[in-house]
N, C-alpha and C. Protein backbone atom coordinates (compact mmCIF):
# COMPACT_ATOMS: atom_id res chain seq x y z
N MET A 1 88.95 126.22 102.03
CA MET A 1 89.35 125.44 103.16
C MET A 1 90.81 125.73 103.47
N LEU A 2 91.13 125.98 104.71
CA LEU A 2 92.49 126.27 105.13
C LEU A 2 93.25 124.98 105.39
N GLN A 3 94.49 124.96 104.95
CA GLN A 3 95.34 123.81 105.21
C GLN A 3 96.55 124.29 106.00
N ALA A 4 96.93 123.50 106.97
CA ALA A 4 98.09 123.85 107.78
C ALA A 4 99.36 123.63 106.96
N THR A 5 100.31 124.53 107.14
CA THR A 5 101.60 124.37 106.51
C THR A 5 102.39 123.34 107.30
N PRO A 6 102.97 122.35 106.63
CA PRO A 6 103.73 121.34 107.36
C PRO A 6 104.87 121.96 108.14
N ALA A 7 105.08 121.48 109.35
CA ALA A 7 106.16 121.98 110.19
C ALA A 7 107.50 121.53 109.62
N ALA A 8 108.46 122.42 109.66
CA ALA A 8 109.79 122.09 109.17
C ALA A 8 110.48 121.13 110.13
N PRO A 9 111.21 120.17 109.62
CA PRO A 9 111.91 119.24 110.49
C PRO A 9 113.09 119.93 111.18
N ASN A 10 113.59 119.32 112.26
CA ASN A 10 114.74 119.92 112.95
C ASN A 10 115.98 119.83 112.06
N GLY A 11 117.06 120.44 112.48
CA GLY A 11 118.27 120.56 111.66
C GLY A 11 118.83 119.26 111.13
N ALA A 12 119.01 118.26 112.00
CA ALA A 12 119.59 116.99 111.57
C ALA A 12 118.65 116.26 110.61
N ASP A 13 117.36 116.26 110.92
CA ASP A 13 116.39 115.61 110.03
C ASP A 13 116.32 116.32 108.69
N ALA A 14 116.32 117.64 108.72
CA ALA A 14 116.25 118.41 107.47
C ALA A 14 117.48 118.13 106.61
N ARG A 15 118.63 118.04 107.22
CA ARG A 15 119.86 117.76 106.48
C ARG A 15 119.81 116.38 105.83
N ARG A 16 119.34 115.38 106.58
CA ARG A 16 119.22 114.02 106.02
C ARG A 16 118.18 113.98 104.90
N MET A 17 117.07 114.68 105.10
CA MET A 17 116.04 114.74 104.06
C MET A 17 116.59 115.39 102.79
N ARG A 18 117.33 116.47 102.97
CA ARG A 18 117.90 117.19 101.83
C ARG A 18 118.88 116.30 101.07
N GLU A 19 119.75 115.60 101.82
CA GLU A 19 120.72 114.71 101.19
C GLU A 19 120.01 113.60 100.41
N THR A 20 118.98 113.04 101.00
CA THR A 20 118.22 111.97 100.34
C THR A 20 117.54 112.50 99.07
N ALA A 21 116.94 113.67 99.17
CA ALA A 21 116.26 114.27 98.01
C ALA A 21 117.26 114.57 96.89
N GLU A 22 118.45 115.05 97.26
CA GLU A 22 119.46 115.35 96.25
C GLU A 22 120.02 114.07 95.62
N GLN A 23 120.17 113.02 96.42
CA GLN A 23 120.61 111.74 95.87
C GLN A 23 119.58 111.20 94.87
N PHE A 24 118.31 111.36 95.21
CA PHE A 24 117.25 110.93 94.30
C PHE A 24 117.31 111.72 93.00
N GLU A 25 117.48 113.04 93.10
CA GLU A 25 117.54 113.87 91.90
C GLU A 25 118.76 113.49 91.05
N ALA A 26 119.90 113.24 91.68
CA ALA A 26 121.10 112.84 90.93
C ALA A 26 120.89 111.50 90.23
N SER A 27 120.23 110.58 90.91
CA SER A 27 119.94 109.27 90.30
C SER A 27 119.01 109.44 89.10
N PHE A 28 118.00 110.27 89.26
CA PHE A 28 117.06 110.54 88.17
C PHE A 28 117.78 111.17 86.98
N LEU A 29 118.61 112.18 87.25
CA LEU A 29 119.34 112.84 86.17
C LEU A 29 120.30 111.88 85.47
N SER A 30 120.93 111.01 86.25
CA SER A 30 121.83 110.02 85.66
C SER A 30 121.08 109.13 84.67
N GLN A 31 119.89 108.70 85.06
CA GLN A 31 119.09 107.86 84.17
C GLN A 31 118.66 108.63 82.92
N MET A 32 118.43 109.92 83.05
CA MET A 32 118.03 110.73 81.90
C MET A 32 119.22 111.01 80.97
N LEU A 33 120.43 111.08 81.53
CA LEU A 33 121.61 111.37 80.72
C LEU A 33 122.14 110.14 79.97
N LYS A 34 121.92 108.95 80.49
CA LYS A 34 122.48 107.74 79.88
C LYS A 34 122.14 107.59 78.40
N PRO A 35 120.89 107.76 77.98
CA PRO A 35 120.58 107.60 76.55
C PRO A 35 121.33 108.59 75.65
N MET A 36 121.69 109.74 76.21
CA MET A 36 122.39 110.74 75.43
C MET A 36 123.77 110.24 74.99
N PHE A 37 124.37 109.38 75.80
CA PHE A 37 125.71 108.89 75.51
C PHE A 37 125.73 107.53 74.81
N GLU A 38 124.61 106.85 74.75
CA GLU A 38 124.58 105.50 74.17
C GLU A 38 124.98 105.46 72.71
N GLY A 39 124.67 106.49 71.96
CA GLY A 39 124.98 106.48 70.53
C GLY A 39 126.37 106.96 70.19
N LEU A 40 127.16 107.39 71.17
CA LEU A 40 128.49 107.90 70.89
C LEU A 40 129.47 106.75 70.64
N ASP A 41 130.26 106.91 69.60
CA ASP A 41 131.25 105.89 69.25
C ASP A 41 132.50 106.10 70.11
N THR A 42 132.99 105.04 70.72
CA THR A 42 134.19 105.14 71.54
C THR A 42 135.45 104.79 70.75
N ASN A 43 135.29 104.38 69.51
CA ASN A 43 136.44 104.07 68.66
C ASN A 43 136.78 105.29 67.82
N GLY A 44 137.82 105.20 67.07
CA GLY A 44 138.20 106.30 66.20
C GLY A 44 139.38 107.06 66.75
N LEU A 45 139.76 108.09 66.03
CA LEU A 45 140.96 108.85 66.37
C LEU A 45 140.91 109.47 67.76
N PHE A 46 139.78 110.06 68.13
CA PHE A 46 139.68 110.72 69.42
C PHE A 46 138.81 109.97 70.42
N GLY A 47 138.45 108.75 70.10
CA GLY A 47 137.63 107.95 71.00
C GLY A 47 138.46 107.39 72.15
N GLY A 48 137.80 107.05 73.22
CA GLY A 48 138.49 106.53 74.38
C GLY A 48 138.57 105.02 74.41
N GLY A 49 138.01 104.36 73.42
CA GLY A 49 138.07 102.91 73.34
C GLY A 49 137.34 102.23 74.48
N GLU A 50 137.87 101.08 74.88
CA GLU A 50 137.24 100.29 75.94
C GLU A 50 137.24 101.03 77.27
N ALA A 51 138.29 101.80 77.53
CA ALA A 51 138.35 102.54 78.80
C ALA A 51 137.19 103.53 78.91
N GLU A 52 136.90 104.20 77.82
CA GLU A 52 135.78 105.15 77.84
C GLU A 52 134.47 104.43 78.10
N ALA A 53 134.29 103.30 77.45
CA ALA A 53 133.06 102.53 77.65
C ALA A 53 132.96 102.06 79.10
N THR A 54 134.10 101.70 79.69
CA THR A 54 134.12 101.22 81.07
C THR A 54 133.78 102.33 82.05
N TRP A 55 134.33 103.51 81.84
CA TRP A 55 134.20 104.60 82.81
C TRP A 55 133.04 105.55 82.51
N ARG A 56 132.34 105.34 81.42
CA ARG A 56 131.27 106.26 81.02
C ARG A 56 130.20 106.42 82.10
N SER A 57 129.80 105.33 82.75
CA SER A 57 128.75 105.43 83.78
C SER A 57 129.20 106.31 84.94
N PHE A 58 130.50 106.26 85.27
CA PHE A 58 131.01 107.12 86.33
C PHE A 58 130.96 108.59 85.91
N LEU A 59 131.28 108.85 84.65
CA LEU A 59 131.21 110.21 84.12
C LEU A 59 129.77 110.73 84.17
N ILE A 60 128.84 109.91 83.77
CA ILE A 60 127.43 110.31 83.77
C ILE A 60 126.96 110.59 85.19
N ASP A 61 127.33 109.73 86.14
CA ASP A 61 126.95 109.96 87.54
C ASP A 61 127.56 111.25 88.07
N ALA A 62 128.82 111.52 87.72
CA ALA A 62 129.48 112.75 88.16
C ALA A 62 128.79 113.98 87.56
N MET A 63 128.39 113.89 86.31
CA MET A 63 127.67 115.01 85.68
C MET A 63 126.35 115.27 86.38
N ALA A 64 125.65 114.20 86.72
CA ALA A 64 124.37 114.33 87.41
C ALA A 64 124.56 114.95 88.79
N GLN A 65 125.57 114.48 89.53
CA GLN A 65 125.82 115.02 90.87
C GLN A 65 126.23 116.50 90.80
N GLN A 66 127.04 116.86 89.81
CA GLN A 66 127.44 118.25 89.66
C GLN A 66 126.24 119.13 89.29
N THR A 67 125.36 118.61 88.48
CA THR A 67 124.15 119.36 88.12
C THR A 67 123.32 119.65 89.37
N VAL A 68 123.19 118.65 90.24
CA VAL A 68 122.44 118.84 91.49
C VAL A 68 123.14 119.88 92.37
N ARG A 69 124.48 119.79 92.49
CA ARG A 69 125.22 120.76 93.31
C ARG A 69 125.08 122.18 92.77
N ALA A 70 124.90 122.30 91.46
CA ALA A 70 124.76 123.62 90.83
C ALA A 70 123.33 124.15 90.89
N GLY A 71 122.44 123.42 91.55
CA GLY A 71 121.06 123.88 91.68
C GLY A 71 120.05 122.90 91.14
N GLY A 72 120.49 121.97 90.33
CA GLY A 72 119.61 120.92 89.84
C GLY A 72 118.48 121.42 88.97
N ILE A 73 117.46 120.59 88.88
CA ILE A 73 116.29 120.91 88.06
C ILE A 73 115.05 121.15 88.92
N GLY A 74 115.24 121.19 90.23
CA GLY A 74 114.13 121.45 91.13
C GLY A 74 113.46 120.20 91.68
N LEU A 75 113.89 119.05 91.25
CA LEU A 75 113.27 117.81 91.70
C LEU A 75 113.54 117.57 93.19
N ALA A 76 114.75 117.87 93.66
CA ALA A 76 115.07 117.66 95.07
C ALA A 76 114.17 118.51 95.96
N ASP A 77 113.88 119.73 95.55
CA ASP A 77 112.99 120.60 96.33
C ASP A 77 111.59 119.99 96.44
N THR A 78 111.10 119.47 95.33
CA THR A 78 109.78 118.86 95.31
C THR A 78 109.74 117.61 96.17
N VAL A 79 110.77 116.78 96.05
CA VAL A 79 110.84 115.55 96.84
C VAL A 79 110.92 115.89 98.33
N MET A 80 111.73 116.87 98.69
CA MET A 80 111.86 117.24 100.10
C MET A 80 110.55 117.79 100.65
N ALA A 81 109.87 118.62 99.89
CA ALA A 81 108.58 119.15 100.33
C ALA A 81 107.58 118.02 100.56
N GLU A 82 107.59 117.03 99.69
CA GLU A 82 106.69 115.89 99.84
C GLU A 82 107.07 115.06 101.07
N MET A 83 108.36 114.89 101.32
CA MET A 83 108.79 114.14 102.51
C MET A 83 108.36 114.86 103.78
N ILE A 84 108.47 116.18 103.80
CA ILE A 84 108.04 116.96 104.96
C ILE A 84 106.53 116.83 105.15
N ARG A 85 105.78 116.90 104.05
CA ARG A 85 104.33 116.77 104.14
C ARG A 85 103.94 115.40 104.68
N MET A 86 104.58 114.36 104.17
CA MET A 86 104.27 113.00 104.63
C MET A 86 104.63 112.82 106.10
N GLN A 87 105.76 113.39 106.51
CA GLN A 87 106.17 113.29 107.91
C GLN A 87 105.17 114.02 108.80
N SER A 88 104.69 115.17 108.36
CA SER A 88 103.71 115.93 109.14
C SER A 88 102.41 115.16 109.29
N GLU A 89 101.97 114.52 108.20
CA GLU A 89 100.75 113.72 108.26
C GLU A 89 100.91 112.54 109.21
N GLN A 90 102.07 111.91 109.16
CA GLN A 90 102.33 110.77 110.04
C GLN A 90 102.37 111.22 111.50
N THR A 91 102.99 112.36 111.77
CA THR A 91 103.06 112.89 113.13
C THR A 91 101.67 113.28 113.61
N ALA A 92 100.88 113.92 112.74
CA ALA A 92 99.53 114.32 113.11
C ALA A 92 98.66 113.11 113.39
N GLY A 93 98.83 112.05 112.61
CA GLY A 93 98.06 110.83 112.81
C GLY A 93 98.44 110.13 114.10
N ALA A 94 99.70 110.22 114.49
CA ALA A 94 100.16 109.57 115.72
C ALA A 94 99.67 110.30 116.96
N THR A 95 99.49 111.61 116.84
CA THR A 95 99.04 112.39 118.01
C THR A 95 97.53 112.49 118.09
N ALA A 96 96.83 112.08 117.04
CA ALA A 96 95.36 112.20 117.05
C ALA A 96 94.72 111.06 117.80
């Protein structure tokens, strides 16, 4: 059975979809990175103390965003493809 390829959105829509998909991927990566830092001690000779504990979430978010800017893990591509597919189905349903 042949399936139609979803039509690509126009420039502004594609840019907004891409930004949304990348924000989702960064949020996902941030949630995956948090447990990695939970066991680290912030006290001690080279620890950052309370300041490190306070700013750690910002560091994790920045790491996640940088990972996405560097190409990510492919989640944004999958999310964007699904958004395009859903938009195409909605458009096809509205014109039918």
